[in-house]
Amino acid sequence: MQKQIISTKALAYCAMFTALSVVFARLIGLMPNESMRFSIEAVPIFLAGMLFGPVLGGCVGFAADFIGCLFSPFGYNPIFCIPPILYGVFAGLLSPWLRQKCSLVRLTVAFLLPVVLGSLLYQSATLAYMYYKDGPFFAGFVYYLSTRAVQFAITLVADVAVVYLLLKSRLLERVGLWNTGKEEKK
């Protein structure tokens, strides 16, 4: 079994992406009520997964959620760290597919998977179980699913737009992080 070494560059960028996610979620994000937050906190997690693979992307998602909860009045609950981890993991798994051709459709699909599986289905079921366990679970699930669907439809558009514009600006290519594999012939 070969030992995998994580470069200092990758660790430094992952620390930066973790900090950016916390800033986007807790300091810049809009939170109209206690169960709804509008932010682009998933973008740095997604970028970490896309650039450095599913393991580091998942670690950035976990670290960003854990550190962000230190700034939250609700505290840390490990049950809710699954969706941020999924953003990094799915971005890492789909990175080769995104490198072939990074279009709006592919980015939307890549973001949609963790949004639907983690943020909508998993967290809605978890919230319904926590707050409706003595009452009608299905009614609570439908309530959280419907309110969270509106929230994540808005944030999905923002997340995809930010990553798409970042890739189209070729900033990540210029700093040596993103290589599509299509080298220009001289």
Protein backbone atom coordinates (compact mmCIF):
# COMPACT_ATOMS: atom_id res chain seq x y z
CA MET A 1 0.00 0.00 0.00
CA GLN A 2 1.41 3.34 -1.05
CA LYS A 3 1.52 6.19 1.43
CA GLN A 4 -0.32 9.30 0.28
CA ILE A 5 1.34 12.60 1.13
CA ILE A 6 -0.70 15.78 1.16
CA SER A 7 1.30 18.75 -0.04
CA THR A 8 1.73 21.91 1.99
CA LYS A 9 0.18 23.83 -0.89
CA ALA A 10 -2.97 21.67 -0.76
CA LEU A 11 -3.23 22.05 3.03
CA ALA A 12 -2.79 25.82 2.82
CA TYR A 13 -5.47 26.15 0.15
CA CYS A 14 -7.81 23.86 2.10
CA ALA A 15 -7.33 26.02 5.21
CA MET A 16 -8.13 29.09 3.12
CA PHE A 17 -11.25 27.43 1.67
CA THR A 18 -12.36 26.44 5.18
CA ALA A 19 -11.97 30.02 6.41
CA LEU A 20 -13.80 31.39 3.36
CA SER A 21 -16.70 29.02 3.92
CA VAL A 22 -17.02 30.11 7.55
CA VAL A 23 -16.92 33.78 6.55
CA PHE A 24 -19.50 33.28 3.79
CA ALA A 25 -21.82 31.29 6.09
CA ARG A 26 -21.62 33.11 9.39
CA LEU A 27 -20.53 36.66 8.66
CA ILE A 28 -21.78 37.46 5.16
CA GLY A 29 -24.75 35.08 4.83
CA LEU A 30 -28.32 36.24 5.29
CA MET A 31 -30.31 34.42 7.96
CA PRO A 32 -33.98 35.52 7.96
CA ASN A 33 -34.92 32.92 10.61
CA GLU A 34 -33.25 30.17 12.65
CA SER A 35 -33.77 27.41 10.08
CA MET A 36 -32.97 29.30 6.87
CA ARG A 37 -29.67 30.77 5.67
CA PHE A 38 -28.78 32.24 2.29
CA SER A 39 -25.06 32.15 1.55
CA ILE A 40 -22.45 30.88 -0.85
CA GLU A 41 -20.73 28.85 1.88
CA ALA A 42 -20.72 25.73 -0.31
CA VAL A 43 -18.56 27.33 -3.01
CA PRO A 44 -15.21 27.07 -1.16
CA ILE A 45 -16.03 23.50 -0.05
CA PHE A 46 -16.94 22.58 -3.62
CA LEU A 47 -13.74 24.16 -4.94
CA ALA A 48 -11.63 22.24 -2.41
CA GLY A 49 -13.17 18.98 -3.53
CA MET A 50 -12.91 19.85 -7.19
CA LEU A 51 -9.25 20.87 -6.91
CA PHE A 52 -7.87 18.44 -4.31
CA GLY A 53 -10.16 15.41 -4.41
CA PRO A 54 -13.05 13.96 -2.41
CA VAL A 55 -11.13 13.28 0.82
CA LEU A 56 -9.77 16.80 1.26
CA GLY A 57 -13.06 18.26 0.00
CA GLY A 58 -14.96 16.30 2.64
CA CYS A 59 -12.46 17.38 5.30
CA VAL A 60 -12.92 21.03 4.32
CA GLY A 61 -16.70 20.58 4.53
CA PHE A 62 -16.44 19.05 8.00
CA ALA A 63 -13.95 21.66 9.27
CA ALA A 64 -15.97 24.57 7.88
CA ASP A 65 -19.15 23.27 9.50
CA PHE A 66 -17.44 22.56 12.82
CA ILE A 67 -15.67 25.94 13.01
CA GLY A 68 -18.76 27.78 11.75
CA CYS A 69 -20.81 26.27 14.57
CA LEU A 70 -18.48 27.92 17.07
CA PHE A 71 -19.93 31.23 15.83
CA SER A 72 -23.51 29.96 15.97
CA PRO A 73 -25.85 30.30 18.95
CA PHE A 74 -27.05 26.72 18.33
CA GLY A 75 -23.69 25.00 18.86
CA TYR A 76 -22.29 22.00 17.03
CA ASN A 77 -24.44 19.04 16.10
CA PRO A 78 -22.58 16.28 14.21
CA ILE A 79 -25.82 15.13 12.59
CA PHE A 80 -25.91 18.28 10.47
CA CYS A 81 -22.32 18.11 9.16
CA ILE A 82 -23.22 15.53 6.47
CA PRO A 83 -24.34 18.03 3.75
CA PRO A 84 -21.15 20.17 3.86
CA ILE A 85 -19.08 17.00 3.66
CA LEU A 86 -21.13 15.85 0.65
CA TYR A 87 -20.35 19.08 -1.25
CA GLY A 88 -16.64 18.37 -1.06
CA VAL A 89 -16.94 14.64 -1.70
CA PHE A 90 -19.19 14.96 -4.77
CA ALA A 91 -17.06 17.77 -6.20
CA GLY A 92 -14.00 15.58 -5.84
CA LEU A 93 -15.68 12.55 -7.38
CA LEU A 94 -17.02 14.57 -10.32
CA SER A 95 -13.84 16.58 -10.86
CA PRO A 96 -12.60 14.46 -13.82
CA TRP A 97 -16.00 14.90 -15.48
CA LEU A 98 -15.89 18.67 -14.87
CA ARG A 99 -12.35 18.90 -16.27
CA GLN A 100 -13.53 17.47 -19.61
CA LYS A 101 -15.98 20.29 -20.15
CA CYS A 102 -17.04 22.61 -17.38
CA SER A 103 -20.42 23.96 -18.43
CA LEU A 104 -23.34 25.41 -16.52
CA VAL A 105 -25.22 22.13 -16.90
CA ARG A 106 -22.37 20.04 -15.49
CA LEU A 107 -21.82 22.42 -12.60
CA THR A 108 -25.55 22.39 -11.83
CA VAL A 109 -25.59 18.58 -11.79
CA ALA A 110 -22.49 18.50 -9.58
CA PHE A 111 -24.05 20.94 -7.08
CA LEU A 112 -27.52 19.39 -7.34
CA LEU A 113 -26.46 15.98 -6.02
CA PRO A 114 -25.33 17.15 -2.55
CA VAL A 115 -28.15 19.71 -2.40
CA VAL A 116 -30.86 17.11 -3.00
CA LEU A 117 -29.34 14.23 -1.05
CA GLY A 118 -27.87 16.16 1.87
CA SER A 119 -29.44 19.56 2.32
CA LEU A 120 -32.98 18.73 1.20
CA LEU A 121 -33.76 15.07 1.90
CA TYR A 122 -31.37 14.24 4.75
CA GLN A 123 -31.59 17.51 6.68
CA SER A 124 -35.35 17.86 6.18
CA ALA A 125 -35.88 14.35 7.53
CA THR A 126 -33.53 15.05 10.44
CA LEU A 127 -35.23 18.33 11.33
CA ALA A 128 -38.65 16.70 11.08
CA TYR A 129 -37.51 13.89 13.37
CA MET A 130 -36.04 16.34 15.90
CA TYR A 131 -38.96 18.77 16.02
CA TYR A 132 -41.93 16.57 15.06
CA LYS A 133 -41.09 13.27 16.75
CA ASP A 134 -44.17 13.50 18.99
CA GLY A 135 -46.37 14.77 16.16
CA PRO A 136 -46.89 13.94 12.52
CA PHE A 137 -43.40 13.24 11.14
CA PHE A 138 -44.52 13.32 7.50
CA ALA A 139 -46.12 16.77 7.92
CA GLY A 140 -42.89 18.08 9.43
CA PHE A 141 -40.85 16.51 6.63
CA VAL A 142 -43.05 18.12 3.95
CA TYR A 143 -42.84 21.47 5.76
CA TYR A 144 -39.04 21.45 5.97
CA LEU A 145 -38.65 20.04 2.47
CA SER A 146 -40.81 22.78 0.96
CA THR A 147 -39.21 25.69 2.82
CA ARG A 148 -35.69 24.37 2.29
CA ALA A 149 -36.37 23.74 -1.41
CA VAL A 150 -36.96 27.46 -1.94
CA GLN A 151 -33.82 28.34 0.03
CA PHE A 152 -31.60 25.89 -1.82
CA ALA A 153 -33.02 26.74 -5.24
CA ILE A 154 -31.83 30.31 -4.67
CA THR A 155 -28.44 29.32 -3.25
CA LEU A 156 -27.93 26.70 -5.99
CA VAL A 157 -28.21 29.39 -8.67
CA ALA A 158 -25.77 31.63 -6.78
CA ASP A 159 -23.29 28.79 -6.13
CA VAL A 160 -23.26 27.61 -9.74
CA ALA A 161 -22.94 31.18 -11.05
CA VAL A 162 -19.98 31.98 -8.78
CA VAL A 163 -18.06 28.81 -9.68
CA TYR A 164 -18.86 29.15 -13.38
CA LEU A 165 -17.66 32.76 -13.47
CA LEU A 166 -14.55 31.82 -11.50
CA LEU A 167 -13.71 29.08 -13.99
CA LYS A 168 -14.51 31.26 -17.02
CA SER A 169 -12.21 33.99 -15.68
CA ARG A 170 -9.44 31.33 -15.70
CA LEU A 171 -8.16 32.60 -12.35
CA LEU A 172 -7.67 29.07 -11.03
CA GLU A 173 -5.66 28.18 -14.14
CA ARG A 174 -3.45 31.24 -13.74
CA VAL A 175 -2.51 30.30 -10.17
CA GLY A 176 -1.86 26.71 -11.22
CA LEU A 177 -4.77 25.01 -9.47
CA TRP A 178 -7.09 24.01 -12.31
CA ASN A 179 -5.82 22.16 -15.35
CA THR A 180 -8.35 20.99 -17.90
CA GLY A 181 -5.77 18.76 -19.54
CA LYS A 182 -6.12 20.63 -22.81
CA GLU A 183 -2.65 22.12 -23.11
CA GLU A 184 -2.16 24.62 -25.89
CA LYS A 185 0.12 23.38 -28.64
CA LYS A 186 2.99 25.66 -29.53
